[in-house]
Amino acid sequence: MSGQNKERVVVEIYGQYYTMKGDSSSSHMRMIAGYVDDKMRQIAAANPRLDTNKLAVLAALNMADEYFRLRMEYEELIKLLEKTAQEAEEDGEEQEEEQEEEQEEGSGTDKE
């Protein structure tokens, strides 16, 4: 993809300005930058003596933790959906077999 198709936006994170460039919309990039800024400010409020570099690392660690927890939850949900879909498919096959058996029993009349 050429650089001409990329969005550019200037964002402020913890008092510093950064130019972001990417395939995402400018509103999405601003949202992400705002999230990082919020995380840094939350950590700074609880730890006012930390310098910016340490705040940034702690914010990154917090966000990585959130990401991995959400990823684990996502994988568990996917497994649950797959299990549920498989059970539903098996139930459908069982019902189909029962219906076929009922039809066979119903069509077998005595010819006496």
PDB file of N, CA and C in Angstrom:
ATOM      1  N   MET A   1       0.860  -1.191   0.000  1.00  0.00           N
ATOM      2  CA  MET A   1       0.000   0.000   0.000  1.00  0.00           C
ATOM      3  C   MET A   1       0.892   1.234   0.000  1.00  0.00           C
ATOM      4  N   SER A   2       0.567   2.216  -0.782  1.00  0.00           N
ATOM      5  CA  SER A   2       1.385   3.414  -0.857  1.00  0.00           C
ATOM      6  C   SER A   2       1.099   4.339   0.314  1.00  0.00           C
ATOM      7  N   GLY A   3       2.082   5.163   0.635  1.00  0.00           N
ATOM      8  CA  GLY A   3       1.958   6.094   1.752  1.00  0.00           C
ATOM      9  C   GLY A   3       0.907   7.153   1.528  1.00  0.00           C
ATOM     10  N   GLN A   4       0.491   7.360   0.275  1.00  0.00           N
ATOM     11  CA  GLN A   4      -0.499   8.392  -0.027  1.00  0.00           C
ATOM     12  C   GLN A   4      -1.879   8.043   0.514  1.00  0.00           C
ATOM     13  N   ASN A   5      -2.183   6.773   0.691  1.00  0.00           N
ATOM     14  CA  ASN A   5      -3.503   6.354   1.148  1.00  0.00           C
ATOM     15  C   ASN A   5      -3.630   6.329   2.664  1.00  0.00           C
ATOM     16  N   LYS A   6      -2.594   6.659   3.374  1.00  0.00           N
ATOM     17  CA  LYS A   6      -2.613   6.571   4.828  1.00  0.00           C
ATOM     18  C   LYS A   6      -3.135   7.872   5.430  1.00  0.00           C
ATOM     19  N   GLU A   7      -3.878   7.718   6.512  1.00  0.00           N
ATOM     20  CA  GLU A   7      -4.373   8.877   7.263  1.00  0.00           C
ATOM     21  C   GLU A   7      -3.245   9.426   8.126  1.00  0.00           C
ATOM     22  N   ARG A   8      -3.240  10.718   8.311  1.00  0.00           N
ATOM     23  CA  ARG A   8      -2.282  11.365   9.223  1.00  0.00           C
ATOM     24  C   ARG A   8      -3.076  12.204  10.208  1.00  0.00           C
ATOM     25  N   VAL A   9      -2.650  12.135  11.473  1.00  0.00           N
ATOM     26  CA  VAL A   9      -3.322  12.933  12.490  1.00  0.00           C
ATOM     27  C   VAL A   9      -2.307  13.268  13.577  1.00  0.00           C
ATOM     28  N   VAL A  10      -2.410  14.475  14.095  1.00  0.00           N
ATOM     29  CA  VAL A  10      -1.556  14.887  15.215  1.00  0.00           C
ATOM     30  C   VAL A  10      -2.368  14.693  16.488  1.00  0.00           C
ATOM     31  N   VAL A  11      -1.767  13.970  17.440  1.00  0.00           N
ATOM     32  CA  VAL A  11      -2.445  13.687  18.703  1.00  0.00           C
ATOM     33  C   VAL A  11      -1.566  14.149  19.860  1.00  0.00           C
ATOM     34  N   GLU A  12      -2.214  14.350  20.993  1.00  0.00           N
ATOM     35  CA  GLU A  12      -1.484  14.715  22.210  1.00  0.00           C
ATOM     36  C   GLU A  12      -1.632  13.583  23.210  1.00  0.00           C
ATOM     37  N   ILE A  13      -0.490  13.110  23.689  1.00  0.00           N
ATOM     38  CA  ILE A  13      -0.470  12.074  24.712  1.00  0.00           C
ATOM     39  C   ILE A  13       0.425  12.561  25.842  1.00  0.00           C
ATOM     40  N   TYR A  14      -0.196  12.757  26.977  1.00  0.00           N
ATOM     41  CA  TYR A  14       0.495  13.185  28.194  1.00  0.00           C
ATOM     42  C   TYR A  14       1.379  14.415  27.956  1.00  0.00           C
ATOM     43  N   GLY A  15       0.775  15.393  27.251  1.00  0.00           N
ATOM     44  CA  GLY A  15       1.452  16.678  27.045  1.00  0.00           C
ATOM     45  C   GLY A  15       2.428  16.710  25.881  1.00  0.00           C
ATOM     46  N   GLN A  16       2.607  15.617  25.189  1.00  0.00           N
ATOM     47  CA  GLN A  16       3.515  15.564  24.037  1.00  0.00           C
ATOM     48  C   GLN A  16       2.691  15.346  22.765  1.00  0.00           C
ATOM     49  N   TYR A  17       3.123  15.973  21.683  1.00  0.00           N
ATOM     50  CA  TYR A  17       2.419  15.842  20.419  1.00  0.00           C
ATOM     51  C   TYR A  17       3.116  14.807  19.539  1.00  0.00           C
ATOM     52  N   TYR A  18       2.308  13.982  18.912  1.00  0.00           N
ATOM     53  CA  TYR A  18       2.806  12.924  18.039  1.00  0.00           C
ATOM     54  C   TYR A  18       2.005  12.942  16.745  1.00  0.00           C
ATOM     55  N   THR A  19       2.687  12.697  15.635  1.00  0.00           N
ATOM     56  CA  THR A  19       2.010  12.542  14.363  1.00  0.00           C
ATOM     57  C   THR A  19       1.821  11.050  14.128  1.00  0.00           C
ATOM     58  N   MET A  20       0.579  10.665  14.016  1.00  0.00           N
ATOM     59  CA  MET A  20       0.260   9.262  13.738  1.00  0.00           C
ATOM     60  C   MET A  20      -0.101   9.142  12.267  1.00  0.00           C
ATOM     61  N   LYS A  21       0.334   8.057  11.659  1.00  0.00           N
ATOM     62  CA  LYS A  21       0.028   7.798  10.264  1.00  0.00           C
ATOM     63  C   LYS A  21      -0.330   6.323  10.144  1.00  0.00           C
ATOM     64  N   GLY A  22      -1.474   6.037   9.522  1.00  0.00           N
ATOM     65  CA  GLY A  22      -1.879   4.649   9.393  1.00  0.00           C
ATOM     66  C   GLY A  22      -3.081   4.472   8.492  1.00  0.00           C
ATOM     67  N   ASP A  23      -3.491   3.210   8.365  1.00  0.00           N
ATOM     68  CA  ASP A  23      -4.635   2.862   7.522  1.00  0.00           C
ATOM     69  C   ASP A  23      -5.958   3.135   8.212  1.00  0.00           C
ATOM     70  N   SER A  24      -5.940   3.291   9.529  1.00  0.00           N
ATOM     71  CA  SER A  24      -7.168   3.544  10.290  1.00  0.00           C
ATOM     72  C   SER A  24      -7.645   4.976  10.070  1.00  0.00           C
ATOM     73  N   SER A  25      -8.908   5.200  10.403  1.00  0.00           N
ATOM     74  CA  SER A  25      -9.451   6.554  10.286  1.00  0.00           C
ATOM     75  C   SER A  25      -8.812   7.468  11.326  1.00  0.00           C
ATOM     76  N   SER A  26      -8.846   8.754  11.062  1.00  0.00           N
ATOM     77  CA  SER A  26      -8.270   9.709  12.012  1.00  0.00           C
ATOM     78  C   SER A  26      -9.013   9.661  13.344  1.00  0.00           C
ATOM     79  N   SER A  27     -10.315   9.428  13.306  1.00  0.00           N
ATOM     80  CA  SER A  27     -11.071   9.350  14.561  1.00  0.00           C
ATOM     81  C   SER A  27     -10.651   8.121  15.372  1.00  0.00           C
ATOM     82  N   HIS A  28     -10.369   7.016  14.692  1.00  0.00           N
ATOM     83  CA  HIS A  28      -9.911   5.806  15.389  1.00  0.00           C
ATOM     84  C   HIS A  28      -8.535   6.063  16.024  1.00  0.00           C
ATOM     85  N   MET A  29      -7.640   6.686  15.275  1.00  0.00           N
ATOM     86  CA  MET A  29      -6.303   6.968  15.827  1.00  0.00           C
ATOM     87  C   MET A  29      -6.388   7.928  17.015  1.00  0.00           C
ATOM     88  N   ARG A  30      -7.274   8.908  16.931  1.00  0.00           N
ATOM     89  CA  ARG A  30      -7.461   9.827  18.071  1.00  0.00           C
ATOM     90  C   ARG A  30      -8.007   9.070  19.294  1.00  0.00           C
ATOM     91  N   MET A  31      -8.913   8.146  19.050  1.00  0.00           N
ATOM     92  CA  MET A  31      -9.483   7.356  20.140  1.00  0.00           C
ATOM     93  C   MET A  31      -8.385   6.535  20.827  1.00  0.00           C
ATOM     94  N   ILE A  32      -7.523   5.903  20.041  1.00  0.00           N
ATOM     95  CA  ILE A  32      -6.433   5.102  20.589  1.00  0.00           C
ATOM     96  C   ILE A  32      -5.474   5.990  21.388  1.00  0.00           C
ATOM     97  N   ALA A  33      -5.120   7.125  20.826  1.00  0.00           N
ATOM     98  CA  ALA A  33      -4.217   8.053  21.522  1.00  0.00           C
ATOM     99  C   ALA A  33      -4.861   8.538  22.822  1.00  0.00           C
ATOM    100  N   GLY A  34      -6.154   8.815  22.789  1.00  0.00           N
ATOM    101  CA  GLY A  34      -6.863   9.238  24.000  1.00  0.00           C
ATOM    102  C   GLY A  34      -6.851   8.161  25.064  1.00  0.00           C
ATOM    103  N   TYR A  35      -6.959   6.917  24.628  1.00  0.00           N
ATOM    104  CA  TYR A  35      -6.920   5.788  25.567  1.00  0.00           C
ATOM    105  C   TYR A  35      -5.554   5.706  26.247  1.00  0.00           C
ATOM    106  N   VAL A  36      -4.496   5.833  25.454  1.00  0.00           N
ATOM    107  CA  VAL A  36      -3.135   5.803  26.012  1.00  0.00           C
ATOM    108  C   VAL A  36      -2.948   6.976  26.974  1.00  0.00           C
ATOM    109  N   ASP A  37      -3.400   8.160  26.575  1.00  0.00           N
ATOM    110  CA  ASP A  37      -3.296   9.343  27.427  1.00  0.00           C
ATOM    111  C   ASP A  37      -4.033   9.129  28.748  1.00  0.00           C
ATOM    112  N   ASP A  38      -5.245   8.579  28.675  1.00  0.00           N
ATOM    113  CA  ASP A  38      -6.023   8.306  29.890  1.00  0.00           C
ATOM    114  C   ASP A  38      -5.297   7.339  30.809  1.00  0.00           C
ATOM    115  N   LYS A  39      -4.737   6.280  30.237  1.00  0.00           N
ATOM    116  CA  LYS A  39      -4.004   5.294  31.043  1.00  0.00           C
ATOM    117  C   LYS A  39      -2.826   5.947  31.752  1.00  0.00           C
ATOM    118  N   MET A  40      -2.076   6.744  31.023  1.00  0.00           N
ATOM    119  CA  MET A  40      -0.914   7.406  31.626  1.00  0.00           C
ATOM    120  C   MET A  40      -1.351   8.348  32.743  1.00  0.00           C
ATOM    121  N   ARG A  41      -2.438   9.060  32.534  1.00  0.00           N
ATOM    122  CA  ARG A  41      -2.919   9.992  33.556  1.00  0.00           C
ATOM    123  C   ARG A  41      -3.446   9.255  34.794  1.00  0.00           C
ATOM    124  N   GLN A  42      -4.097   8.120  34.587  1.00  0.00           N
ATOM    125  CA  GLN A  42      -4.564   7.315  35.728  1.00  0.00           C
ATOM    126  C   GLN A  42      -3.382   6.847  36.575  1.00  0.00           C
ATOM    127  N   ILE A  43      -2.348   6.364  35.913  1.00  0.00           N
ATOM    128  CA  ILE A  43      -1.167   5.879  36.635  1.00  0.00           C
ATOM    129  C   ILE A  43      -0.453   7.032  37.323  1.00  0.00           C
ATOM    130  N   ALA A  44      -0.370   8.182  36.643  1.00  0.00           N
ATOM    131  CA  ALA A  44       0.291   9.356  37.227  1.00  0.00           C
ATOM    132  C   ALA A  44      -0.460   9.856  38.462  1.00  0.00           C
ATOM    133  N   ALA A  45      -1.779   9.776  38.422  1.00  0.00           N
ATOM    134  CA  ALA A  45      -2.574  10.224  39.571  1.00  0.00           C
ATOM    135  C   ALA A  45      -2.293   9.355  40.791  1.00  0.00           C
ATOM    136  N   ALA A  46      -2.071   8.073  40.576  1.00  0.00           N
ATOM    137  CA  ALA A  46      -1.802   7.150  41.677  1.00  0.00           C
ATOM    138  C   ALA A  46      -0.325   7.150  42.075  1.00  0.00           C
ATOM    139  N   ASN A  47       0.545   7.599  41.167  1.00  0.00           N
ATOM    140  CA  ASN A  47       1.995   7.586  41.405  1.00  0.00           C
ATOM    141  C   ASN A  47       2.605   8.891  40.910  1.00  0.00           C
ATOM    142  N   PRO A  48       2.385   9.993  41.626  1.00  0.00           N
ATOM    143  CA  PRO A  48       2.783  11.311  41.114  1.00  0.00           C
ATOM    144  C   PRO A  48       4.289  11.508  40.946  1.00  0.00           C
ATOM    145  N   ARG A  49       5.101  10.665  41.522  1.00  0.00           N
ATOM    146  CA  ARG A  49       6.558  10.867  41.431  1.00  0.00           C
ATOM    147  C   ARG A  49       7.202  10.164  40.233  1.00  0.00           C
ATOM    148  N   LEU A  50       6.438   9.403  39.491  1.00  0.00           N
ATOM    149  CA  LEU A  50       7.010   8.680  38.356  1.00  0.00           C
ATOM    150  C   LEU A  50       7.286   9.624  37.190  1.00  0.00           C
ATOM    151  N   ASP A  51       8.408   9.399  36.513  1.00  0.00           N
ATOM    152  CA  ASP A  51       8.700  10.209  35.327  1.00  0.00           C
ATOM    153  C   ASP A  51       7.916   9.658  34.126  1.00  0.00           C
ATOM    154  N   THR A  52       7.932  10.411  33.049  1.00  0.00           N
ATOM    155  CA  THR A  52       7.134  10.081  31.873  1.00  0.00           C
ATOM    156  C   THR A  52       7.491   8.719  31.292  1.00  0.00           C
ATOM    157  N   ASN A  53       8.783   8.400  31.249  1.00  0.00           N
ATOM    158  CA  ASN A  53       9.177   7.106  30.689  1.00  0.00           C
ATOM    159  C   ASN A  53       8.601   5.952  31.498  1.00  0.00           C
ATOM    160  N   LYS A  54       8.673   6.054  32.809  1.00  0.00           N
ATOM    161  CA  LYS A  54       8.127   4.983  33.651  1.00  0.00           C
ATOM    162  C   LYS A  54       6.610   4.918  33.526  1.00  0.00           C
ATOM    163  N   LEU A  55       5.968   6.075  33.428  1.00  0.00           N
ATOM    164  CA  LEU A  55       4.516   6.086  33.225  1.00  0.00           C
ATOM    165  C   LEU A  55       4.150   5.383  31.919  1.00  0.00           C
ATOM    166  N   ALA A  56       4.932   5.666  30.872  1.00  0.00           N
ATOM    167  CA  ALA A  56       4.653   5.063  29.575  1.00  0.00           C
ATOM    168  C   ALA A  56       4.822   3.543  29.631  1.00  0.00           C
ATOM    169  N   VAL A  57       5.868   3.075  30.306  1.00  0.00           N
ATOM    170  CA  VAL A  57       6.095   1.630  30.413  1.00  0.00           C
ATOM    171  C   VAL A  57       4.991   0.982  31.237  1.00  0.00           C
ATOM    172  N   LEU A  58       4.608   1.595  32.344  1.00  0.00           N
ATOM    173  CA  LEU A  58       3.537   1.039  33.168  1.00  0.00           C
ATOM    174  C   LEU A  58       2.206   1.037  32.418  1.00  0.00           C
ATOM    175  N   ALA A  59       1.956   2.100  31.657  1.00  0.00           N
ATOM    176  CA  ALA A  59       0.728   2.139  30.847  1.00  0.00           C
ATOM    177  C   ALA A  59       0.756   1.013  29.813  1.00  0.00           C
ATOM    178  N   ALA A  60       1.906   0.807  29.181  1.00  0.00           N
ATOM    179  CA  ALA A  60       2.026  -0.269  28.190  1.00  0.00           C
ATOM    180  C   ALA A  60       1.800  -1.627  28.844  1.00  0.00           C
ATOM    181  N   LEU A  61       2.345  -1.825  30.031  1.00  0.00           N
ATOM    182  CA  LEU A  61       2.146  -3.092  30.741  1.00  0.00           C
ATOM    183  C   LEU A  61       0.676  -3.300  31.095  1.00  0.00           C
ATOM    184  N   ASN A  62       0.025  -2.252  31.550  1.00  0.00           N
ATOM    185  CA  ASN A  62      -1.405  -2.343  31.878  1.00  0.00           C
ATOM    186  C   ASN A  62      -2.230  -2.689  30.641  1.00  0.00           C
ATOM    187  N   MET A  63      -1.932  -2.036  29.532  1.00  0.00           N
ATOM    188  CA  MET A  63      -2.691  -2.293  28.310  1.00  0.00           C
ATOM    189  C   MET A  63      -2.392  -3.685  27.761  1.00  0.00           C
ATOM    190  N   ALA A  64      -1.143  -4.138  27.882  1.00  0.00           N
ATOM    191  CA  ALA A  64      -0.807  -5.504  27.444  1.00  0.00           C
ATOM    192  C   ALA A  64      -1.557  -6.525  28.295  1.00  0.00           C
ATOM    193  N   ASP A  65      -1.654  -6.266  29.598  1.00  0.00           N
ATOM    194  CA  ASP A  65      -2.403  -7.156  30.483  1.00  0.00           C
ATOM    195  C   ASP A  65      -3.873  -7.202  30.066  1.00  0.00           C
ATOM    196  N   GLU A  66      -4.465  -6.050  29.807  1.00  0.00           N
ATOM    197  CA  GLU A  66      -5.857  -6.001  29.347  1.00  0.00           C
ATOM    198  C   GLU A  66      -6.016  -6.791  28.050  1.00  0.00           C
ATOM    199  N   TYR A  67      -5.085  -6.579  27.133  1.00  0.00           N
ATOM    200  CA  TYR A  67      -5.152  -7.263  25.844  1.00  0.00           C
ATOM    201  C   TYR A  67      -5.119  -8.778  26.022  1.00  0.00           C
ATOM    202  N   PHE A  68      -4.167  -9.284  26.806  1.00  0.00           N
ATOM    203  CA  PHE A  68      -4.044 -10.729  26.960  1.00  0.00           C
ATOM    204  C   PHE A  68      -5.238 -11.330  27.701  1.00  0.00           C
ATOM    205  N   ARG A  69      -5.781 -10.603  28.672  1.00  0.00           N
ATOM    206  CA  ARG A  69      -6.982 -11.092  29.353  1.00  0.00           C
ATOM    207  C   ARG A  69      -8.167 -11.160  28.381  1.00  0.00           C
ATOM    208  N   LEU A  70      -8.342 -10.122  27.587  1.00  0.00           N
ATOM    209  CA  LEU A  70      -9.427 -10.101  26.607  1.00  0.00           C
ATOM    210  C   LEU A  70      -9.224 -11.175  25.544  1.00  0.00           C
ATOM    211  N   ARG A  71      -7.986 -11.384  25.147  1.00  0.00           N
ATOM    212  CA  ARG A  71      -7.699 -12.422  24.157  1.00  0.00           C
ATOM    213  C   ARG A  71      -8.044 -13.806  24.696  1.00  0.00           C
ATOM    214  N   MET A  72      -7.727 -14.049  25.964  1.00  0.00           N
ATOM    215  CA  MET A  72      -8.074 -15.333  26.577  1.00  0.00           C
ATOM    216  C   MET A  72      -9.586 -15.502  26.645  1.00  0.00           C
ATOM    217  N   GLU A  73     -10.295 -14.445  27.040  1.00  0.00           N
ATOM    218  CA  GLU A  73     -11.758 -14.500  27.091  1.00  0.00           C
ATOM    219  C   GLU A  73     -12.329 -14.761  25.694  1.00  0.00           C
ATOM    220  N   TYR A  74     -11.771 -14.108  24.700  1.00  0.00           N
ATOM    221  CA  TYR A  74     -12.212 -14.287  23.315  1.00  0.00           C
ATOM    222  C   TYR A  74     -12.031 -15.740  22.886  1.00  0.00           C
ATOM    223  N   GLU A  75     -10.855 -16.305  23.166  1.00  0.00           N
ATOM    224  CA  GLU A  75     -10.582 -17.692  22.785  1.00  0.00           C
ATOM    225  C   GLU A  75     -11.526 -18.651  23.505  1.00  0.00           C
ATOM    226  N   GLU A  76     -11.829 -18.372  24.775  1.00  0.00           N
ATOM    227  CA  GLU A  76     -12.780 -19.211  25.512  1.00  0.00           C
ATOM    228  C   GLU A  76     -14.178 -19.118  24.900  1.00  0.00           C
ATOM    229  N   LEU A  77     -14.580 -17.920  24.498  1.00  0.00           N
ATOM    230  CA  LEU A  77     -15.891 -17.739  23.867  1.00  0.00           C
ATOM    231  C   LEU A  77     -15.958 -18.456  22.520  1.00  0.00           C
ATOM    232  N   ILE A  78     -14.875 -18.397  21.753  1.00  0.00           N
ATOM    233  CA  ILE A  78     -14.845 -19.097  20.462  1.00  0.00           C
ATOM    234  C   ILE A  78     -14.998 -20.591  20.686  1.00  0.00           C
ATOM    235  N   LYS A  79     -14.283 -21.142  21.667  1.00  0.00           N
ATOM    236  CA  LYS A  79     -14.398 -22.571  21.976  1.00  0.00           C
ATOM    237  C   LYS A  79     -15.823 -22.925  22.392  1.00  0.00           C
ATOM    238  N   LEU A  80     -16.431 -22.073  23.211  1.00  0.00           N
ATOM    239  CA  LEU A  80     -17.800 -22.306  23.651  1.00  0.00           C
ATOM    240  C   LEU A  80     -18.770 -22.276  22.466  1.00  0.00           C
ATOM    241  N   LEU A  81     -18.587 -21.309  21.570  1.00  0.00           N
ATOM    242  CA  LEU A  81     -19.433 -21.231  20.381  1.00  0.00           C
ATOM    243  C   LEU A  81     -19.262 -22.461  19.502  1.00  0.00           C
ATOM    244  N   GLU A  82     -18.026 -22.894  19.316  1.00  0.00           N
ATOM    245  CA  GLU A  82     -17.776 -24.079  18.501  1.00  0.00           C
ATOM    246  C   GLU A  82     -18.417 -25.310  19.134  1.00  0.00           C
ATOM    247  N   LYS A  83     -18.301 -25.434  20.453  1.00  0.00           N
ATOM    248  CA  LYS A  83     -18.897 -26.570  21.166  1.00  0.00           C
ATOM    249  C   LYS A  83     -20.419 -26.535  21.040  1.00  0.00           C
ATOM    250  N   THR A  84     -20.994 -25.355  21.222  1.00  0.00           N
ATOM    251  CA  THR A  84     -22.442 -25.191  21.126  1.00  0.00           C
ATOM    252  C   THR A  84     -22.924 -25.509  19.716  1.00  0.00           C
ATOM    253  N   ALA A  85     -22.183 -25.052  18.708  1.00  0.00           N
ATOM    254  CA  ALA A  85     -22.560 -25.322  17.320  1.00  0.00           C
ATOM    255  C   ALA A  85     -22.475 -26.819  17.027  1.00  0.00           C
ATOM    256  N   GLN A  86     -21.450 -27.464  17.543  1.00  0.00           N
ATOM    257  CA  GLN A  86     -21.296 -28.907  17.327  1.00  0.00           C
ATOM    258  C   GLN A  86     -22.429 -29.675  18.000  1.00  0.00           C
ATOM    259  N   GLU A  87     -22.765 -29.275  19.239  1.00  0.00           N
ATOM    260  CA  GLU A  87     -23.865 -29.942  19.954  1.00  0.00           C
ATOM    261  C   GLU A  87     -25.182 -29.738  19.225  1.00  0.00           C
ATOM    262  N   ALA A  88     -25.393 -28.529  18.711  1.00  0.00           N
ATOM    263  CA  ALA A  88     -26.634 -28.247  17.979  1.00  0.00           C
ATOM    264  C   ALA A  88     -26.702 -29.085  16.704  1.00  0.00           C
ATOM    265  N   GLU A  89     -25.561 -29.227  16.043  1.00  0.00           N
ATOM    266  CA  GLU A  89     -25.516 -30.050  14.833  1.00  0.00           C
ATOM    267  C   GLU A  89     -25.817 -31.509  15.166  1.00  0.00           C
ATOM    268  N   GLU A  90     -25.228 -32.013  16.251  1.00  0.00           N
ATOM    269  CA  GLU A  90     -25.481 -33.400  16.666  1.00  0.00           C
ATOM    270  C   GLU A  90     -26.938 -33.596  17.055  1.00  0.00           C
ATOM    271  N   ASP A  91     -27.513 -32.611  17.771  1.00  0.00           N
ATOM    272  CA  ASP A  91     -28.932 -32.696  18.140  1.00  0.00           C
ATOM    273  C   ASP A  91     -29.811 -32.728  16.900  1.00  0.00           C
ATOM    274  N   GLY A  92     -29.463 -31.908  15.905  1.00  0.00           N
ATOM    275  CA  GLY A  92     -30.230 -31.870  14.668  1.00  0.00           C
ATOM    276  C   GLY A  92     -30.163 -33.195  13.936  1.00  0.00           C
ATOM    277  N   GLU A  93     -28.982 -33.822  13.933  1.00  0.00           N
ATOM    278  CA  GLU A  93     -28.835 -35.126  13.277  1.00  0.00           C
ATOM    279  C   GLU A  93     -29.655 -36.194  14.000  1.00  0.00           C
ATOM    280  N   GLU A  94     -29.650 -36.145  15.333  1.00  0.00           N
ATOM    281  CA  GLU A  94     -30.439 -37.105  16.119  1.00  0.00           C
ATOM    282  C   GLU A  94     -31.930 -36.946  15.827  1.00  0.00           C
ATOM    283  N   GLN A  95     -32.394 -35.695  15.782  1.00  0.00           N
ATOM    284  CA  GLN A  95     -33.811 -35.449  15.501  1.00  0.00           C
ATOM    285  C   GLN A  95     -34.173 -35.933  14.103  1.00  0.00           C
ATOM    286  N   GLU A  96     -33.262 -35.742  13.161  1.00  0.00           N
ATOM    287  CA  GLU A  96     -33.499 -36.191  11.800  1.00  0.00           C
ATOM    288  C   GLU A  96     -33.639 -37.714  11.749  1.00  0.00           C
ATOM    289  N   GLU A  97     -32.747 -38.406  12.468  1.00  0.00           N
ATOM    290  CA  GLU A  97     -32.803 -39.867  12.517  1.00  0.00           C
ATOM    291  C   GLU A  97     -34.106 -40.339  13.158  1.00  0.00           C
ATOM    292  N   GLU A  98     -34.523 -39.672  14.240  1.00  0.00           N
ATOM    293  CA  GLU A  98     -35.775 -40.037  14.910  1.00  0.00           C
ATOM    294  C   GLU A  98     -36.964 -39.842  13.974  1.00  0.00           C
ATOM    295  N   GLN A  99     -36.971 -38.757  13.228  1.00  0.00           N
ATOM    296  CA  GLN A  99     -38.065 -38.491  12.296  1.00  0.00           C
ATOM    297  C   GLN A  99     -38.105 -39.542  11.185  1.00  0.00           C
ATOM    298  N   GLU A 100     -36.922 -39.928  10.710  1.00  0.00           N
ATOM    299  CA  GLU A 100     -36.870 -40.956   9.666  1.00  0.00           C
ATOM    300  C   GLU A 100     -37.396 -42.289  10.198  1.00  0.00           C
ATOM    301  N   GLU A 101     -37.028 -42.633  11.438  1.00  0.00           N
ATOM    302  CA  GLU A 101     -37.509 -43.868  12.052  1.00  0.00           C
ATOM    303  C   GLU A 101     -39.026 -43.834  12.227  1.00  0.00           C
ATOM    304  N   GLU A 102     -39.549 -42.691  12.651  1.00  0.00           N
ATOM    305  CA  GLU A 102     -40.999 -42.546  12.833  1.00  0.00           C
ATOM    306  C   GLU A 102     -41.720 -42.689  11.497  1.00  0.00           C
ATOM    307  N   GLN A 103     -41.151 -42.140  10.452  1.00  0.00           N
ATOM    308  CA  GLN A 103     -41.768 -42.237   9.129  1.00  0.00           C
ATOM    309  C   GLN A 103     -41.756 -43.679   8.634  1.00  0.00           C
ATOM    310  N   GLU A 104     -40.637 -44.367   8.890  1.00  0.00           N
ATOM    311  CA  GLU A 104     -40.553 -45.761   8.471  1.00  0.00           C
ATOM    312  C   GLU A 104     -41.560 -46.617   9.228  1.00  0.00           C
ATOM    313  N   GLU A 105     -41.713 -46.378  10.518  1.00  0.00           N
ATOM    314  CA  GLU A 105     -42.668 -47.134  11.326  1.00  0.00           C
ATOM    315  C   GLU A 105     -44.100 -46.826  10.894  1.00  0.00           C
ATOM    316  N   GLY A 106     -44.351 -45.581  10.568  1.00  0.00           N
ATOM    317  CA  GLY A 106     -45.689 -45.176  10.156  1.00  0.00           C
ATOM    318  C   GLY A 106     -46.067 -45.700   8.779  1.00  0.00           C
ATOM    319  N   SER A 107     -45.115 -45.913   7.913  1.00  0.00           N
ATOM    320  CA  SER A 107     -45.428 -46.390   6.564  1.00  0.00           C
ATOM    321  C   SER A 107     -45.501 -47.911   6.500  1.00  0.00           C
ATOM    322  N   GLY A 108     -45.049 -48.598   7.511  1.00  0.00           N
ATOM    323  CA  GLY A 108     -45.104 -50.047   7.546  1.00  0.00           C
ATOM    324  C   GLY A 108     -46.433 -50.540   8.086  1.00  0.00           C
ATOM    325  N   THR A 109     -47.467 -50.605   7.224  1.00  0.00           N
ATOM    326  CA  THR A 109     -48.800 -51.042   7.662  1.00  0.00           C
ATOM    327  C   THR A 109     -48.977 -52.526   7.386  1.00  0.00           C
ATOM    328  N   ASP A 110     -49.877 -53.144   8.158  1.00  0.00           N
ATOM    329  CA  ASP A 110     -50.202 -54.561   7.965  1.00  0.00           C
ATOM    330  C   ASP A 110     -51.077 -54.694   6.733  1.00  0.00           C
ATOM    331  N   LYS A 111     -50.781 -55.755   5.933  1.00  0.00           N
ATOM    332  CA  LYS A 111     -51.543 -55.961   4.715  1.00  0.00           C
ATOM    333  C   LYS A 111     -52.435 -57.188   4.846  1.00  0.00           C
ATOM    334  N   GLU A 112     -52.934 -57.450   5.959  1.00  0.00           N
ATOM    335  CA  GLU A 112     -53.805 -58.624   6.168  1.00  0.00           C
ATOM    336  C   GLU A 112     -55.245 -58.282   5.985  1.00  0.00           C
TER     337      GLU A 112
END
